[in-house]
């Protein structure tokens, strides 16, 4: 089991490994906004505060939308990532 904390909403959830962040956010009614869900609008940008190593790898679409500098700062697209295992703390970005 993995754990995700939506810091912006003070929500913590235990979820199965390899769960999609978008599905978790919807189920938890977190305020993480979604637009296209296809990595083209950037509405679901979030900041990973803890546990970057527990997330799926960065994909090229994320780099195209966010830019490598933002990726290096810890930003990701919520529509494109899964939590592999462990604990992840995110904040709306």
PDB file of N, CA and C in Angstrom:
ATOM      1  N   UNK A   1       0.834  -1.200   0.000  1.00  0.00           N
ATOM      2  CA  UNK A   1       0.000   0.000   0.000  1.00  0.00           C
ATOM      3  C   UNK A   1       0.871   1.254   0.000  1.00  0.00           C
ATOM      4  N   UNK A   2       0.362   2.261  -0.662  1.00  0.00           N
ATOM      5  CA  UNK A   2       1.018   3.552  -0.726  1.00  0.00           C
ATOM      6  C   UNK A   2       0.181   4.561   0.055  1.00  0.00           C
ATOM      7  N   UNK A   3       0.777   5.703   0.334  1.00  0.00           N
ATOM      8  CA  UNK A   3       0.059   6.785   1.009  1.00  0.00           C
ATOM      9  C   UNK A   3       0.279   8.068   0.239  1.00  0.00           C
ATOM     10  N   UNK A   4      -0.802   8.803   0.018  1.00  0.00           N
ATOM     11  CA  UNK A   4      -0.699  10.113  -0.618  1.00  0.00           C
ATOM     12  C   UNK A   4      -1.331  11.153   0.285  1.00  0.00           C
ATOM     13  N   UNK A   5      -0.660  12.289   0.381  1.00  0.00           N
ATOM     14  CA  UNK A   5      -1.161  13.405   1.171  1.00  0.00           C
ATOM     15  C   UNK A   5      -1.361  14.586   0.224  1.00  0.00           C
ATOM     16  N   UNK A   6      -2.606  15.041   0.143  1.00  0.00           N
ATOM     17  CA  UNK A   6      -2.940  16.261  -0.595  1.00  0.00           C
ATOM     18  C   UNK A   6      -2.854  17.394   0.416  1.00  0.00           C
ATOM     19  N   UNK A   7      -1.678  18.009   0.522  1.00  0.00           N
ATOM     20  CA  UNK A   7      -1.445  19.015   1.556  1.00  0.00           C
ATOM     21  C   UNK A   7      -2.412  20.195   1.438  1.00  0.00           C
ATOM     22  N   UNK A   8      -2.742  20.587   0.223  1.00  0.00           N
ATOM     23  CA  UNK A   8      -3.634  21.733   0.015  1.00  0.00           C
ATOM     24  C   UNK A   8      -5.012  21.516   0.627  1.00  0.00           C
ATOM     25  N   UNK A   9      -5.410  20.252   0.800  1.00  0.00           N
ATOM     26  CA  UNK A   9      -6.736  19.922   1.317  1.00  0.00           C
ATOM     27  C   UNK A   9      -6.697  19.222   2.669  1.00  0.00           C
ATOM     28  N   UNK A  10      -5.494  18.988   3.186  1.00  0.00           N
ATOM     29  CA  UNK A  10      -5.340  18.250   4.440  1.00  0.00           C
ATOM     30  C   UNK A  10      -6.023  16.875   4.358  1.00  0.00           C
ATOM     31  N   UNK A  11      -5.790  16.184   3.222  1.00  0.00           N
ATOM     32  CA  UNK A  11      -6.345  14.851   2.988  1.00  0.00           C
ATOM     33  C   UNK A  11      -5.189  13.865   2.879  1.00  0.00           C
ATOM     34  N   UNK A  12      -5.294  12.765   3.593  1.00  0.00           N
ATOM     35  CA  UNK A  12      -4.318  11.675   3.507  1.00  0.00           C
ATOM     36  C   UNK A  12      -5.078  10.395   3.201  1.00  0.00           C
ATOM     37  N   UNK A  13      -4.580   9.623   2.221  1.00  0.00           N
ATOM     38  CA  UNK A  13      -5.253   8.387   1.828  1.00  0.00           C
ATOM     39  C   UNK A  13      -4.252   7.260   1.649  1.00  0.00           C
ATOM     40  N   UNK A  14      -4.644   6.077   2.081  1.00  0.00           N
ATOM     41  CA  UNK A  14      -3.927   4.853   1.769  1.00  0.00           C
ATOM     42  C   UNK A  14      -4.501   4.344   0.452  1.00  0.00           C
ATOM     43  N   UNK A  15      -3.634   4.017  -0.494  1.00  0.00           N
ATOM     44  CA  UNK A  15      -4.085   3.573  -1.814  1.00  0.00           C
ATOM     45  C   UNK A  15      -3.239   2.389  -2.265  1.00  0.00           C
ATOM     46  N   UNK A  16      -3.769   1.581  -3.164  1.00  0.00           N
ATOM     47  CA  UNK A  16      -2.958   0.489  -3.702  1.00  0.00           C
ATOM     48  C   UNK A  16      -1.759   1.035  -4.475  1.00  0.00           C
ATOM     49  N   UNK A  17      -0.649   0.302  -4.455  1.00  0.00           N
ATOM     50  CA  UNK A  17       0.509   0.669  -5.265  1.00  0.00           C
ATOM     51  C   UNK A  17       0.081   0.812  -6.727  1.00  0.00           C
ATOM     52  N   UNK A  18       0.742   1.703  -7.439  1.00  0.00           N
ATOM     53  CA  UNK A  18       0.505   1.975  -8.863  1.00  0.00           C
ATOM     54  C   UNK A  18      -0.829   2.657  -9.141  1.00  0.00           C
ATOM     55  N   UNK A  19      -1.391   3.338  -8.162  1.00  0.00           N
ATOM     56  CA  UNK A  19      -2.643   4.076  -8.358  1.00  0.00           C
ATOM     57  C   UNK A  19      -2.380   5.384  -9.092  1.00  0.00           C
ATOM     58  N   UNK A  20      -3.308   5.771  -9.954  1.00  0.00           N
ATOM     59  CA  UNK A  20      -3.221   7.029 -10.688  1.00  0.00           C
ATOM     60  C   UNK A  20      -3.617   8.186  -9.780  1.00  0.00           C
ATOM     61  N   UNK A  21      -2.812   9.240  -9.773  1.00  0.00           N
ATOM     62  CA  UNK A  21      -3.085  10.407  -8.935  1.00  0.00           C
ATOM     63  C   UNK A  21      -4.425  11.045  -9.292  1.00  0.00           C
ATOM     64  N   UNK A  22      -4.754  11.120 -10.560  1.00  0.00           N
ATOM     65  CA  UNK A  22      -6.019  11.739 -10.972  1.00  0.00           C
ATOM     66  C   UNK A  22      -7.211  11.001 -10.378  1.00  0.00           C
ATOM     67  N   UNK A  23      -7.184   9.688 -10.417  1.00  0.00           N
ATOM     68  CA  UNK A  23      -8.286   8.896  -9.869  1.00  0.00           C
ATOM     69  C   UNK A  23      -8.382   9.064  -8.359  1.00  0.00           C
ATOM     70  N   UNK A  24      -7.237   9.104  -7.700  1.00  0.00           N
ATOM     71  CA  UNK A  24      -7.224   9.287  -6.247  1.00  0.00           C
ATOM     72  C   UNK A  24      -7.800  10.658  -5.892  1.00  0.00           C
ATOM     73  N   UNK A  25      -7.369  11.686  -6.609  1.00  0.00           N
ATOM     74  CA  UNK A  25      -7.848  13.054  -6.351  1.00  0.00           C
ATOM     75  C   UNK A  25      -9.355  13.139  -6.537  1.00  0.00           C
ATOM     76  N   UNK A  26      -9.867  12.516  -7.592  1.00  0.00           N
ATOM     77  CA  UNK A  26     -11.312  12.520  -7.825  1.00  0.00           C
ATOM     78  C   UNK A  26     -12.044  11.832  -6.676  1.00  0.00           C
ATOM     79  N   UNK A  27     -11.572  10.659  -6.300  1.00  0.00           N
ATOM     80  CA  UNK A  27     -12.223   9.888  -5.241  1.00  0.00           C
ATOM     81  C   UNK A  27     -12.193  10.619  -3.898  1.00  0.00           C
ATOM     82  N   UNK A  28     -11.064  11.273  -3.612  1.00  0.00           N
ATOM     83  CA  UNK A  28     -10.900  11.979  -2.334  1.00  0.00           C
ATOM     84  C   UNK A  28     -11.541  13.364  -2.341  1.00  0.00           C
ATOM     85  N   UNK A  29     -12.032  13.792  -3.488  1.00  0.00           N
ATOM     86  CA  UNK A  29     -12.591  15.129  -3.673  1.00  0.00           C
ATOM     87  C   UNK A  29     -11.574  16.216  -3.332  1.00  0.00           C
ATOM     88  N   UNK A  30     -10.331  15.962  -3.709  1.00  0.00           N
ATOM     89  CA  UNK A  30      -9.267  16.949  -3.539  1.00  0.00           C
ATOM     90  C   UNK A  30      -9.479  18.088  -4.531  1.00  0.00           C
ATOM     91  N   UNK A  31      -8.949  19.248  -4.211  1.00  0.00           N
ATOM     92  CA  UNK A  31      -9.152  20.428  -5.062  1.00  0.00           C
ATOM     93  C   UNK A  31      -8.145  20.532  -6.196  1.00  0.00           C
ATOM     94  N   UNK A  32      -7.360  19.502  -6.428  1.00  0.00           N
ATOM     95  CA  UNK A  32      -6.425  19.502  -7.547  1.00  0.00           C
ATOM     96  C   UNK A  32      -7.236  19.638  -8.838  1.00  0.00           C
ATOM     97  N   UNK A  33      -7.055  20.737  -9.580  1.00  0.00           N
ATOM     98  CA  UNK A  33      -7.880  20.957 -10.768  1.00  0.00           C
ATOM     99  C   UNK A  33      -7.388  20.129 -11.964  1.00  0.00           C
ATOM    100  N   UNK A  34      -8.317  19.696 -12.768  1.00  0.00           N
ATOM    101  CA  UNK A  34      -7.982  18.983 -14.000  1.00  0.00           C
ATOM    102  C   UNK A  34      -8.689  19.663 -15.150  1.00  0.00           C
ATOM    103  N   UNK A  35      -8.006  19.717 -16.293  1.00  0.00           N
ATOM    104  CA  UNK A  35      -8.597  20.270 -17.504  1.00  0.00           C
ATOM    105  C   UNK A  35      -8.733  19.171 -18.538  1.00  0.00           C
ATOM    106  N   UNK A  36      -7.713  18.999 -19.332  1.00  0.00           N
ATOM    107  CA  UNK A  36      -7.760  18.066 -20.451  1.00  0.00           C
ATOM    108  C   UNK A  36      -7.493  16.611 -20.054  1.00  0.00           C
ATOM    109  N   UNK A  37      -6.730  16.392 -18.993  1.00  0.00           N
ATOM    110  CA  UNK A  37      -6.289  15.058 -18.549  1.00  0.00           C
ATOM    111  C   UNK A  37      -5.425  14.349 -19.591  1.00  0.00           C
ATOM    112  N   UNK A  38      -4.837  15.117 -20.480  1.00  0.00           N
ATOM    113  CA  UNK A  38      -4.012  14.555 -21.553  1.00  0.00           C
ATOM    114  C   UNK A  38      -2.640  15.209 -21.633  1.00  0.00           C
ATOM    115  N   UNK A  39      -2.209  15.860 -20.578  1.00  0.00           N
ATOM    116  CA  UNK A  39      -0.884  16.495 -20.517  1.00  0.00           C
ATOM    117  C   UNK A  39      -0.690  17.587 -21.548  1.00  0.00           C
ATOM    118  N   UNK A  40      -1.747  18.364 -21.804  1.00  0.00           N
ATOM    119  CA  UNK A  40      -1.554  19.462 -22.746  1.00  0.00           C
ATOM    120  C   UNK A  40      -1.936  20.827 -22.189  1.00  0.00           C
ATOM    121  N   UNK A  41      -2.697  20.873 -21.085  1.00  0.00           N
ATOM    122  CA  UNK A  41      -3.135  22.183 -20.590  1.00  0.00           C
ATOM    123  C   UNK A  41      -2.366  22.652 -19.347  1.00  0.00           C
ATOM    124  N   UNK A  42      -1.864  21.744 -18.542  1.00  0.00           N
ATOM    125  CA  UNK A  42      -1.119  22.114 -17.347  1.00  0.00           C
ATOM    126  C   UNK A  42      -1.967  22.500 -16.148  1.00  0.00           C
ATOM    127  N   UNK A  43      -3.289  22.375 -16.236  1.00  0.00           N
ATOM    128  CA  UNK A  43      -4.168  22.762 -15.123  1.00  0.00           C
ATOM    129  C   UNK A  43      -3.894  21.960 -13.858  1.00  0.00           C
ATOM    130  N   UNK A  44      -3.450  20.728 -14.009  1.00  0.00           N
ATOM    131  CA  UNK A  44      -3.253  19.840 -12.859  1.00  0.00           C
ATOM    132  C   UNK A  44      -1.819  19.872 -12.328  1.00  0.00           C
ATOM    133  N   UNK A  45      -1.108  20.940 -12.616  1.00  0.00           N
ATOM    134  CA  UNK A  45       0.262  21.064 -12.120  1.00  0.00           C
ATOM    135  C   UNK A  45       0.258  20.978 -10.597  1.00  0.00           C
ATOM    136  N   UNK A  46       1.161  20.188 -10.070  1.00  0.00           N
ATOM    137  CA  UNK A  46       1.297  20.054  -8.627  1.00  0.00           C
ATOM    138  C   UNK A  46       2.770  20.060  -8.262  1.00  0.00           C
ATOM    139  N   UNK A  47       3.040  20.350  -6.996  1.00  0.00           N
ATOM    140  CA  UNK A  47       4.395  20.355  -6.477  1.00  0.00           C
ATOM    141  C   UNK A  47       4.548  19.161  -5.550  1.00  0.00           C
ATOM    142  N   UNK A  48       5.553  18.352  -5.817  1.00  0.00           N
ATOM    143  CA  UNK A  48       5.834  17.193  -4.975  1.00  0.00           C
ATOM    144  C   UNK A  48       6.743  17.663  -3.831  1.00  0.00           C
ATOM    145  N   UNK A  49       6.228  17.617  -2.617  1.00  0.00           N
ATOM    146  CA  UNK A  49       6.968  18.070  -1.441  1.00  0.00           C
ATOM    147  C   UNK A  49       7.789  16.939  -0.826  1.00  0.00           C
ATOM    148  N   UNK A  50       7.336  15.715  -1.025  1.00  0.00           N
ATOM    149  CA  UNK A  50       8.015  14.554  -0.450  1.00  0.00           C
ATOM    150  C   UNK A  50       7.667  13.330  -1.291  1.00  0.00           C
ATOM    151  N   UNK A  51       8.658  12.483  -1.542  1.00  0.00           N
ATOM    152  CA  UNK A  51       8.406  11.193  -2.182  1.00  0.00           C
ATOM    153  C   UNK A  51       8.470  11.172  -3.689  1.00  0.00           C
ATOM    154  N   UNK A  52       9.198  12.086  -4.299  1.00  0.00           N
ATOM    155  CA  UNK A  52       9.318  12.089  -5.765  1.00  0.00           C
ATOM    156  C   UNK A  52       9.756  10.717  -6.287  1.00  0.00           C
ATOM    157  N   UNK A  53      10.615  10.052  -5.532  1.00  0.00           N
ATOM    158  CA  UNK A  53      11.121   8.746  -5.947  1.00  0.00           C
ATOM    159  C   UNK A  53      10.041   7.667  -5.938  1.00  0.00           C
ATOM    160  N   UNK A  54       8.911   7.956  -5.330  1.00  0.00           N
ATOM    161  CA  UNK A  54       7.810   6.994  -5.255  1.00  0.00           C
ATOM    162  C   UNK A  54       6.785   7.174  -6.370  1.00  0.00           C
ATOM    163  N   UNK A  55       7.054   8.098  -7.286  1.00  0.00           N
ATOM    164  CA  UNK A  55       6.142   8.366  -8.395  1.00  0.00           C
ATOM    165  C   UNK A  55       6.662   7.754  -9.687  1.00  0.00           C
ATOM    166  N   UNK A  56       5.760   7.572 -10.633  1.00  0.00           N
ATOM    167  CA  UNK A  56       6.157   7.108 -11.958  1.00  0.00           C
ATOM    168  C   UNK A  56       7.130   8.105 -12.579  1.00  0.00           C
ATOM    169  N   UNK A  57       7.871   7.648 -13.570  1.00  0.00           N
ATOM    170  CA  UNK A  57       8.881   8.474 -14.221  1.00  0.00           C
ATOM    171  C   UNK A  57       8.257   9.648 -14.971  1.00  0.00           C
ATOM    172  N   UNK A  58       9.023  10.720 -15.082  1.00  0.00           N
ATOM    173  CA  UNK A  58       8.616  11.887 -15.861  1.00  0.00           C
ATOM    174  C   UNK A  58       8.525  11.472 -17.325  1.00  0.00           C
ATOM    175  N   UNK A  59       7.445  11.895 -17.980  1.00  0.00           N
ATOM    176  CA  UNK A  59       7.299  11.609 -19.405  1.00  0.00           C
ATOM    177  C   UNK A  59       7.547  12.878 -20.209  1.00  0.00           C
ATOM    178  N   UNK A  60       7.813  12.693 -21.484  1.00  0.00           N
ATOM    179  CA  UNK A  60       8.145  13.818 -22.361  1.00  0.00           C
ATOM    180  C   UNK A  60       7.048  14.877 -22.392  1.00  0.00           C
ATOM    181  N   UNK A  61       5.783  14.450 -22.347  1.00  0.00           N
ATOM    182  CA  UNK A  61       4.672  15.417 -22.356  1.00  0.00           C
ATOM    183  C   UNK A  61       4.740  16.357 -21.154  1.00  0.00           C
ATOM    184  N   UNK A  62       5.162  15.848 -20.003  1.00  0.00           N
ATOM    185  CA  UNK A  62       5.286  16.704 -18.822  1.00  0.00           C
ATOM    186  C   UNK A  62       6.367  17.755 -19.036  1.00  0.00           C
ATOM    187  N   UNK A  63       7.479  17.338 -19.620  1.00  0.00           N
ATOM    188  CA  UNK A  63       8.570  18.279 -19.891  1.00  0.00           C
ATOM    189  C   UNK A  63       8.107  19.332 -20.888  1.00  0.00           C
ATOM    190  N   UNK A  64       7.349  18.919 -21.905  1.00  0.00           N
ATOM    191  CA  UNK A  64       6.852  19.860 -22.909  1.00  0.00           C
ATOM    192  C   UNK A  64       5.934  20.911 -22.290  1.00  0.00           C
ATOM    193  N   UNK A  65       5.065  20.504 -21.361  1.00  0.00           N
ATOM    194  CA  UNK A  65       4.097  21.419 -20.764  1.00  0.00           C
ATOM    195  C   UNK A  65       4.729  22.266 -19.658  1.00  0.00           C
ATOM    196  N   UNK A  66       5.505  21.638 -18.784  1.00  0.00           N
ATOM    197  CA  UNK A  66       6.041  22.334 -17.613  1.00  0.00           C
ATOM    198  C   UNK A  66       7.410  22.957 -17.847  1.00  0.00           C
ATOM    199  N   UNK A  67       8.212  22.339 -18.693  1.00  0.00           N
ATOM    200  CA  UNK A  67       9.595  22.763 -18.879  1.00  0.00           C
ATOM    201  C   UNK A  67      10.499  22.038 -17.901  1.00  0.00           C
ATOM    202  N   UNK A  68      11.709  21.789 -18.303  1.00  0.00           N
ATOM    203  CA  UNK A  68      12.652  21.027 -17.472  1.00  0.00           C
ATOM    204  C   UNK A  68      12.970  21.729 -16.156  1.00  0.00           C
ATOM    205  N   UNK A  69      13.009  23.062 -16.150  1.00  0.00           N
ATOM    206  CA  UNK A  69      13.298  23.784 -14.908  1.00  0.00           C
ATOM    207  C   UNK A  69      12.242  23.499 -13.843  1.00  0.00           C
ATOM    208  N   UNK A  70      10.965  23.517 -14.216  1.00  0.00           N
ATOM    209  CA  UNK A  70       9.887  23.238 -13.259  1.00  0.00           C
ATOM    210  C   UNK A  70       9.929  21.777 -12.807  1.00  0.00           C
ATOM    211  N   UNK A  71      10.230  20.872 -13.711  1.00  0.00           N
ATOM    212  CA  UNK A  71      10.378  19.456 -13.348  1.00  0.00           C
ATOM    213  C   UNK A  71      11.482  19.330 -12.297  1.00  0.00           C
ATOM    214  N   UNK A  72      12.592  20.009 -12.528  1.00  0.00           N
ATOM    215  CA  UNK A  72      13.725  19.957 -11.584  1.00  0.00           C
ATOM    216  C   UNK A  72      13.357  20.545 -10.222  1.00  0.00           C
ATOM    217  N   UNK A  73      12.411  21.487 -10.196  1.00  0.00           N
ATOM    218  CA  UNK A  73      11.959  22.095  -8.940  1.00  0.00           C
ATOM    219  C   UNK A  73      10.961  21.206  -8.197  1.00  0.00           C
ATOM    220  N   UNK A  74      10.487  20.133  -8.849  1.00  0.00           N
ATOM    221  CA  UNK A  74       9.567  19.200  -8.199  1.00  0.00           C
ATOM    222  C   UNK A  74       8.138  19.261  -8.688  1.00  0.00           C
ATOM    223  N   UNK A  75       7.898  19.968  -9.779  1.00  0.00           N
ATOM    224  CA  UNK A  75       6.545  20.045 -10.326  1.00  0.00           C
ATOM    225  C   UNK A  75       6.278  18.849 -11.237  1.00  0.00           C
ATOM    226  N   UNK A  76       5.026  18.382 -11.227  1.00  0.00           N
ATOM    227  CA  UNK A  76       4.579  17.285 -12.090  1.00  0.00           C
ATOM    228  C   UNK A  76       3.151  17.575 -12.528  1.00  0.00           C
ATOM    229  N   UNK A  77       2.671  16.814 -13.499  1.00  0.00           N
ATOM    230  CA  UNK A  77       1.281  16.904 -13.940  1.00  0.00           C
ATOM    231  C   UNK A  77       0.490  15.770 -13.299  1.00  0.00           C
ATOM    232  N   UNK A  78      -0.509  16.122 -12.509  1.00  0.00           N
ATOM    233  CA  UNK A  78      -1.299  15.132 -11.789  1.00  0.00           C
ATOM    234  C   UNK A  78      -2.004  14.140 -12.693  1.00  0.00           C
ATOM    235  N   UNK A  79      -2.315  14.548 -13.906  1.00  0.00           N
ATOM    236  CA  UNK A  79      -3.027  13.657 -14.825  1.00  0.00           C
ATOM    237  C   UNK A  79      -2.133  12.567 -15.392  1.00  0.00           C
ATOM    238  N   UNK A  80      -0.839  12.689 -15.224  1.00  0.00           N
ATOM    239  CA  UNK A  80       0.089  11.764 -15.866  1.00  0.00           C
ATOM    240  C   UNK A  80       0.861  10.864 -14.911  1.00  0.00           C
ATOM    241  N   UNK A  81       0.677  11.012 -13.624  1.00  0.00           N
ATOM    242  CA  UNK A  81       1.529  10.258 -12.705  1.00  0.00           C
ATOM    243  C   UNK A  81       0.756   9.250 -11.863  1.00  0.00           C
ATOM    244  N   UNK A  82       1.494   8.234 -11.472  1.00  0.00           N
ATOM    245  CA  UNK A  82       0.998   7.205 -10.559  1.00  0.00           C
ATOM    246  C   UNK A  82       1.921   7.167  -9.355  1.00  0.00           C
ATOM    247  N   UNK A  83       1.376   6.754  -8.222  1.00  0.00           N
ATOM    248  CA  UNK A  83       2.193   6.541  -7.037  1.00  0.00           C
ATOM    249  C   UNK A  83       2.567   5.063  -7.023  1.00  0.00           C
ATOM    250  N   UNK A  84       3.861   4.779  -7.162  1.00  0.00           N
ATOM    251  CA  UNK A  84       4.329   3.394  -7.243  1.00  0.00           C
ATOM    252  C   UNK A  84       4.215   2.691  -5.898  1.00  0.00           C
ATOM    253  N   UNK A  85       4.656   3.346  -4.853  1.00  0.00           N
ATOM    254  CA  UNK A  85       4.633   2.791  -3.494  1.00  0.00           C
ATOM    255  C   UNK A  85       5.097   3.879  -2.541  1.00  0.00           C
ATOM    256  N   UNK A  86       5.099   3.596  -1.247  1.00  0.00           N
ATOM    257  CA  UNK A  86       5.609   4.552  -0.274  1.00  0.00           C
ATOM    258  C   UNK A  86       4.683   5.727  -0.059  1.00  0.00           C
ATOM    259  N   UNK A  87       5.263   6.813   0.435  1.00  0.00           N
ATOM    260  CA  UNK A  87       4.497   8.017   0.775  1.00  0.00           C
ATOM    261  C   UNK A  87       4.859   9.145  -0.169  1.00  0.00           C
ATOM    262  N   UNK A  88       3.833   9.896  -0.583  1.00  0.00           N
ATOM    263  CA  UNK A  88       4.008  11.072  -1.433  1.00  0.00           C
ATOM    264  C   UNK A  88       3.167  12.206  -0.851  1.00  0.00           C
ATOM    265  N   UNK A  89       3.778  13.382  -0.724  1.00  0.00           N
ATOM    266  CA  UNK A  89       3.075  14.575  -0.261  1.00  0.00           C
ATOM    267  C   UNK A  89       3.102  15.584  -1.412  1.00  0.00           C
ATOM    268  N   UNK A  90       1.910  16.048  -1.796  1.00  0.00           N
ATOM    269  CA  UNK A  90       1.802  17.008  -2.905  1.00  0.00           C
ATOM    270  C   UNK A  90       1.000  18.226  -2.473  1.00  0.00           C
ATOM    271  N   UNK A  91       1.226  19.314  -3.222  1.00  0.00           N
ATOM    272  CA  UNK A  91       0.478  20.557  -3.007  1.00  0.00           C
ATOM    273  C   UNK A  91       0.060  21.081  -4.380  1.00  0.00           C
ATOM    274  N   UNK A  92      -1.124  21.612  -4.475  1.00  0.00           N
ATOM    275  CA  UNK A  92      -1.560  22.215  -5.734  1.00  0.00           C
ATOM    276  C   UNK A  92      -0.530  23.258  -6.154  1.00  0.00           C
ATOM    277  N   UNK A  93      -0.203  23.241  -7.430  1.00  0.00           N
ATOM    278  CA  UNK A  93       0.867  24.111  -7.912  1.00  0.00           C
ATOM    279  C   UNK A  93       0.437  25.161  -8.844  1.00  0.00           C
TER     280      UNK A  93
END
